[in-house]
N, C-alpha and C. Protein backbone atom coordinates (compact mmCIF):
# COMPACT_ATOMS: atom_id res chain seq x y z
N MET A 1 32.28 125.95 147.42
CA MET A 1 32.42 125.08 146.30
C MET A 1 33.42 125.65 145.30
N LYS A 2 33.39 126.94 145.13
CA LYS A 2 34.30 127.58 144.22
C LYS A 2 35.74 127.43 144.72
N LYS A 3 35.92 127.56 146.03
CA LYS A 3 37.25 127.40 146.60
C LYS A 3 37.75 125.98 146.39
N GLU A 4 36.86 125.03 146.54
CA GLU A 4 37.26 123.62 146.37
C GLU A 4 37.65 123.36 144.91
N ALA A 5 36.92 123.91 143.99
CA ALA A 5 37.24 123.74 142.57
C ALA A 5 38.58 124.40 142.25
N GLU A 6 38.79 125.58 142.84
CA GLU A 6 40.05 126.29 142.63
C GLU A 6 41.21 125.48 143.23
N TRP A 7 40.97 124.91 144.40
CA TRP A 7 42.01 124.09 145.05
C TRP A 7 42.35 122.87 144.19
N HIS A 8 41.33 122.17 143.66
CA HIS A 8 41.55 121.02 142.78
C HIS A 8 42.32 121.42 141.52
N LYS A 9 41.95 122.58 141.01
CA LYS A 9 42.61 123.08 139.81
C LYS A 9 44.10 123.33 140.10
N GLN A 10 44.39 123.98 141.22
CA GLN A 10 45.77 124.25 141.62
C GLN A 10 46.51 122.95 141.92
N TYR A 11 45.81 122.05 142.60
CA TYR A 11 46.41 120.76 142.95
C TYR A 11 46.77 119.97 141.68
N ASP A 12 45.82 119.92 140.74
CA ASP A 12 46.07 119.22 139.47
C ASP A 12 47.22 119.88 138.71
N LYS A 13 47.25 121.22 138.69
CA LYS A 13 48.32 121.94 138.00
C LYS A 13 49.66 121.61 138.66
N SER A 14 49.67 121.60 139.98
CA SER A 14 50.90 121.29 140.72
C SER A 14 51.36 119.87 140.42
N GLN A 15 50.44 118.93 140.41
CA GLN A 15 50.76 117.53 140.12
C GLN A 15 51.32 117.38 138.70
N ILE A 16 50.67 118.04 137.76
CA ILE A 16 51.10 117.97 136.36
C ILE A 16 52.49 118.60 136.21
N ASP A 17 52.71 119.77 136.83
CA ASP A 17 54.02 120.43 136.77
C ASP A 17 55.10 119.53 137.37
N ASN A 18 54.80 118.91 138.52
CA ASN A 18 55.76 118.01 139.16
C ASN A 18 56.08 116.81 138.26
N GLU A 19 55.05 116.26 137.64
CA GLU A 19 55.26 115.10 136.76
C GLU A 19 56.05 115.48 135.53
N VAL A 20 55.77 116.66 134.96
CA VAL A 20 56.52 117.13 133.79
C VAL A 20 57.99 117.33 134.18
N ASP A 21 58.24 117.94 135.32
CA ASP A 21 59.62 118.12 135.80
C ASP A 21 60.31 116.77 135.98
N ARG A 22 59.61 115.82 136.60
CA ARG A 22 60.18 114.49 136.82
C ARG A 22 60.52 113.82 135.50
N GLN A 23 59.60 113.89 134.54
CA GLN A 23 59.85 113.27 133.24
C GLN A 23 60.99 113.97 132.50
N ASN A 24 61.07 115.30 132.61
CA ASN A 24 62.18 116.04 131.98
C ASN A 24 63.51 115.61 132.58
N ARG A 25 63.57 115.50 133.90
CA ARG A 25 64.81 115.05 134.56
C ARG A 25 65.16 113.63 134.13
N ALA A 26 64.16 112.76 134.08
CA ALA A 26 64.40 111.38 133.67
C ALA A 26 64.92 111.33 132.23
N HIS A 27 64.35 112.15 131.37
CA HIS A 27 64.80 112.20 129.98
C HIS A 27 66.25 112.71 129.90
N GLU A 28 66.56 113.76 130.65
CA GLU A 28 67.93 114.29 130.66
C GLU A 28 68.92 113.25 131.19
N GLU A 29 68.52 112.53 132.23
CA GLU A 29 69.38 111.49 132.78
C GLU A 29 69.63 110.38 131.76
N ARG A 30 68.56 109.98 131.05
CA ARG A 30 68.71 108.96 130.01
C ARG A 30 69.63 109.44 128.90
N ALA A 31 69.45 110.69 128.50
CA ALA A 31 70.29 111.25 127.42
C ALA A 31 71.76 111.30 127.87
N LEU A 32 72.00 111.72 129.10
CA LEU A 32 73.38 111.75 129.61
C LEU A 32 73.96 110.35 129.69
N LYS A 33 73.17 109.39 130.15
CA LYS A 33 73.64 108.00 130.25
C LYS A 33 73.96 107.45 128.87
N GLU A 34 73.10 107.71 127.89
CA GLU A 34 73.36 107.24 126.53
C GLU A 34 74.62 107.87 125.96
N ALA A 35 74.81 109.18 126.22
CA ALA A 35 76.00 109.86 125.73
C ALA A 35 77.25 109.26 126.38
N LEU A 36 77.17 109.00 127.68
CA LEU A 36 78.31 108.40 128.39
C LEU A 36 78.58 106.99 127.88
N ASP A 37 77.51 106.21 127.67
CA ASP A 37 77.68 104.86 127.13
C ASP A 37 78.31 104.90 125.74
N LYS A 38 77.87 105.84 124.93
CA LYS A 38 78.42 105.97 123.58
C LYS A 38 79.89 106.33 123.64
N LYS A 39 80.23 107.28 124.54
CA LYS A 39 81.63 107.69 124.69
C LYS A 39 82.47 106.52 125.21
N THR A 40 81.93 105.77 126.15
CA THR A 40 82.63 104.61 126.68
C THR A 40 82.85 103.58 125.58
N HIS A 41 81.83 103.36 124.76
CA HIS A 41 81.95 102.42 123.65
C HIS A 41 83.02 102.90 122.67
N GLN A 42 83.01 104.20 122.36
CA GLN A 42 84.02 104.74 121.44
C GLN A 42 85.43 104.55 122.02
N THR A 43 85.55 104.80 123.32
CA THR A 43 86.85 104.62 123.97
C THR A 43 87.28 103.16 123.88
N ASP A 44 86.34 102.25 124.12
CA ASP A 44 86.67 100.82 124.03
C ASP A 44 87.10 100.45 122.61
N VAL A 45 86.39 100.96 121.63
CA VAL A 45 86.73 100.67 120.23
C VAL A 45 88.12 101.23 119.91
N LEU A 46 88.38 102.46 120.34
CA LEU A 46 89.69 103.05 120.09
C LEU A 46 90.79 102.25 120.78
N ARG A 47 90.52 101.77 121.99
CA ARG A 47 91.50 100.97 122.71
C ARG A 47 91.76 99.66 121.96
N GLN A 48 90.69 99.05 121.46
CA GLN A 48 90.84 97.80 120.70
C GLN A 48 91.63 98.02 119.41
N VAL A 49 91.35 99.13 118.73
CA VAL A 49 92.07 99.44 117.49
C VAL A 49 93.55 99.67 117.79
N ALA A 50 93.82 100.40 118.86
CA ALA A 50 95.22 100.66 119.24
C ALA A 50 95.93 99.36 119.59
N GLU A 51 95.26 98.47 120.30
CA GLU A 51 95.86 97.18 120.66
C GLU A 51 96.13 96.34 119.41
N ARG A 52 95.18 96.35 118.49
CA ARG A 52 95.36 95.61 117.23
C ARG A 52 96.56 96.17 116.45
N ASP A 53 96.67 97.51 116.40
CA ASP A 53 97.80 98.13 115.71
C ASP A 53 99.12 97.76 116.37
N ARG A 54 99.15 97.78 117.71
CA ARG A 54 100.38 97.40 118.42
C ARG A 54 100.74 95.95 118.10
N THR A 55 99.75 95.08 118.10
CA THR A 55 99.99 93.67 117.81
C THR A 55 100.51 93.50 116.39
N MET A 56 99.91 94.21 115.45
CA MET A 56 100.35 94.12 114.06
C MET A 56 101.78 94.62 113.91
N ARG A 57 102.11 95.76 114.56
CA ARG A 57 103.47 96.30 114.49
C ARG A 57 104.46 95.33 115.13
N ARG A 58 104.09 94.75 116.28
CA ARG A 58 104.98 93.79 116.95
C ARG A 58 105.20 92.57 116.08
N ASP A 59 104.12 92.05 115.47
CA ASP A 59 104.26 90.88 114.58
C ASP A 59 105.13 91.21 113.37
N LEU A 60 104.92 92.39 112.80
CA LEU A 60 105.73 92.81 111.66
C LEU A 60 107.20 92.94 112.06
N GLN A 61 107.44 93.54 113.22
CA GLN A 61 108.81 93.70 113.69
C GLN A 61 109.44 92.33 113.96
N ASP A 62 108.69 91.42 114.58
CA ASP A 62 109.21 90.07 114.82
C ASP A 62 109.56 89.38 113.52
N ARG A 63 108.67 89.51 112.53
CA ARG A 63 108.91 88.87 111.23
C ARG A 63 110.16 89.47 110.57
N MET A 64 110.30 90.80 110.68
CA MET A 64 111.48 91.45 110.09
C MET A 64 112.75 90.97 110.79
N TYR A 65 112.71 90.84 112.12
CA TYR A 65 113.88 90.34 112.85
C TYR A 65 114.22 88.91 112.43
N GLU A 66 113.18 88.08 112.28
CA GLU A 66 113.41 86.69 111.86
C GLU A 66 114.01 86.64 110.46
N GLU A 67 113.47 87.46 109.56
CA GLU A 67 114.01 87.49 108.19
C GLU A 67 115.45 88.00 108.19
N ARG A 68 115.72 89.00 109.01
CA ARG A 68 117.07 89.53 109.08
C ARG A 68 118.03 88.48 109.66
N ALA A 69 117.59 87.78 110.71
CA ALA A 69 118.44 86.74 111.29
C ALA A 69 118.70 85.63 110.28
N ALA A 70 117.68 85.26 109.51
CA ALA A 70 117.85 84.22 108.50
C ALA A 70 118.83 84.70 107.41
N LYS A 71 118.70 85.94 107.01
CA LYS A 71 119.60 86.49 105.98
C LYS A 71 121.04 86.53 106.50
N LEU A 72 121.22 86.96 107.76
CA LEU A 72 122.56 86.99 108.35
C LEU A 72 123.14 85.58 108.47
N ALA A 73 122.30 84.62 108.84
CA ALA A 73 122.75 83.23 108.93
C ALA A 73 123.17 82.74 107.55
N GLU A 74 122.40 83.07 106.52
CA GLU A 74 122.73 82.67 105.15
C GLU A 74 124.06 83.30 104.71
N ILE A 75 124.24 84.59 105.03
CA ILE A 75 125.49 85.26 104.67
C ILE A 75 126.67 84.61 105.39
N GLU A 76 126.51 84.30 106.68
CA GLU A 76 127.56 83.63 107.44
C GLU A 76 127.86 82.25 106.86
N TYR A 77 126.82 81.52 106.48
CA TYR A 77 126.98 80.20 105.89
C TYR A 77 127.77 80.30 104.57
N GLN A 78 127.39 81.26 103.73
CA GLN A 78 128.08 81.46 102.46
C GLN A 78 129.54 81.85 102.69
N ARG A 79 129.81 82.69 103.69
CA ARG A 79 131.18 83.10 104.00
C ARG A 79 132.00 81.88 104.44
N ARG A 80 131.39 81.02 105.27
CA ARG A 80 132.11 79.81 105.71
C ARG A 80 132.40 78.88 104.54
N ILE A 81 131.44 78.74 103.64
CA ILE A 81 131.65 77.89 102.46
C ILE A 81 132.80 78.45 101.62
N ARG A 82 132.80 79.77 101.39
CA ARG A 82 133.90 80.38 100.62
C ARG A 82 135.24 80.15 101.32
N GLY A 83 135.25 80.30 102.64
CA GLY A 83 136.48 80.07 103.40
C GLY A 83 136.96 78.64 103.25
N GLU A 84 136.04 77.69 103.33
CA GLU A 84 136.41 76.27 103.16
C GLU A 84 136.90 76.01 101.75
N GLN A 85 136.24 76.62 100.76
CA GLN A 85 136.68 76.44 99.38
C GLN A 85 138.08 77.01 99.17
N GLU A 86 138.34 78.16 99.77
CA GLU A 86 139.68 78.75 99.64
C GLU A 86 140.72 77.86 100.32
N ASN A 87 140.40 77.33 101.49
CA ASN A 87 141.32 76.40 102.18
C ASN A 87 141.57 75.16 101.33
N ASN A 88 140.50 74.61 100.77
CA ASN A 88 140.63 73.42 99.93
C ASN A 88 141.46 73.72 98.68
N ASP A 89 141.19 74.88 98.07
CA ASP A 89 141.97 75.26 96.88
C ASP A 89 143.44 75.42 97.24
N GLN A 90 143.72 76.02 98.39
CA GLN A 90 145.11 76.21 98.83
C GLN A 90 145.77 74.86 99.10
N LEU A 91 145.06 73.95 99.77
CA LEU A 91 145.61 72.61 100.02
C LEU A 91 145.85 71.86 98.71
N LEU A 92 144.91 71.97 97.79
CA LEU A 92 145.05 71.31 96.51
C LEU A 92 146.26 71.85 95.75
N ASN A 93 146.40 73.17 95.74
CA ASN A 93 147.56 73.79 95.08
C ASN A 93 148.86 73.36 95.73
N THR A 94 148.85 73.32 97.06
CA THR A 94 150.06 72.87 97.77
C THR A 94 150.37 71.44 97.41
N TRP A 95 149.38 70.59 97.38
CA TRP A 95 149.57 69.18 97.02
C TRP A 95 150.08 69.04 95.59
N LYS A 96 149.44 69.83 94.66
CA LYS A 96 149.88 69.79 93.26
C LYS A 96 151.34 70.23 93.13
N ASN A 97 151.70 71.29 93.85
CA ASN A 97 153.08 71.79 93.79
C ASN A 97 154.04 70.74 94.38
N THR A 98 153.61 70.11 95.43
CA THR A 98 154.44 69.11 96.06
C THR A 98 154.62 67.90 95.12
N VAL A 99 153.57 67.44 94.48
CA VAL A 99 153.61 66.29 93.61
C VAL A 99 154.39 66.61 92.34
N SER A 100 154.14 67.80 91.76
CA SER A 100 154.85 68.13 90.51
C SER A 100 156.31 68.49 90.78
N GLY A 101 156.64 68.87 91.97
CA GLY A 101 158.02 69.20 92.32
C GLY A 101 158.86 67.96 92.49
N HIS A 102 158.31 66.83 92.66
CA HIS A 102 159.06 65.57 92.89
C HIS A 102 159.19 64.80 91.67
């Protein structure tokens, strides 16, 4: 009877030790999975932030190019107007000289 009680005691101890080990491993696995999930989430967030920054820089650059093109077009337009005014002034002066010379 004493041997049987000792065997049950050892068996119960063995079962408890095995269960504690199993639960410790399960806890460690959960902790590792949570850490990996958190790191993955952080990586995703960083990737999203980087993509947003790239998009913002690209939009800003596009807007700057558009503004620059508009400014250059305005400068070209003003240059053409000045050129036409100079041509008109020259024609007018030529006409005036021709009319007053006769």
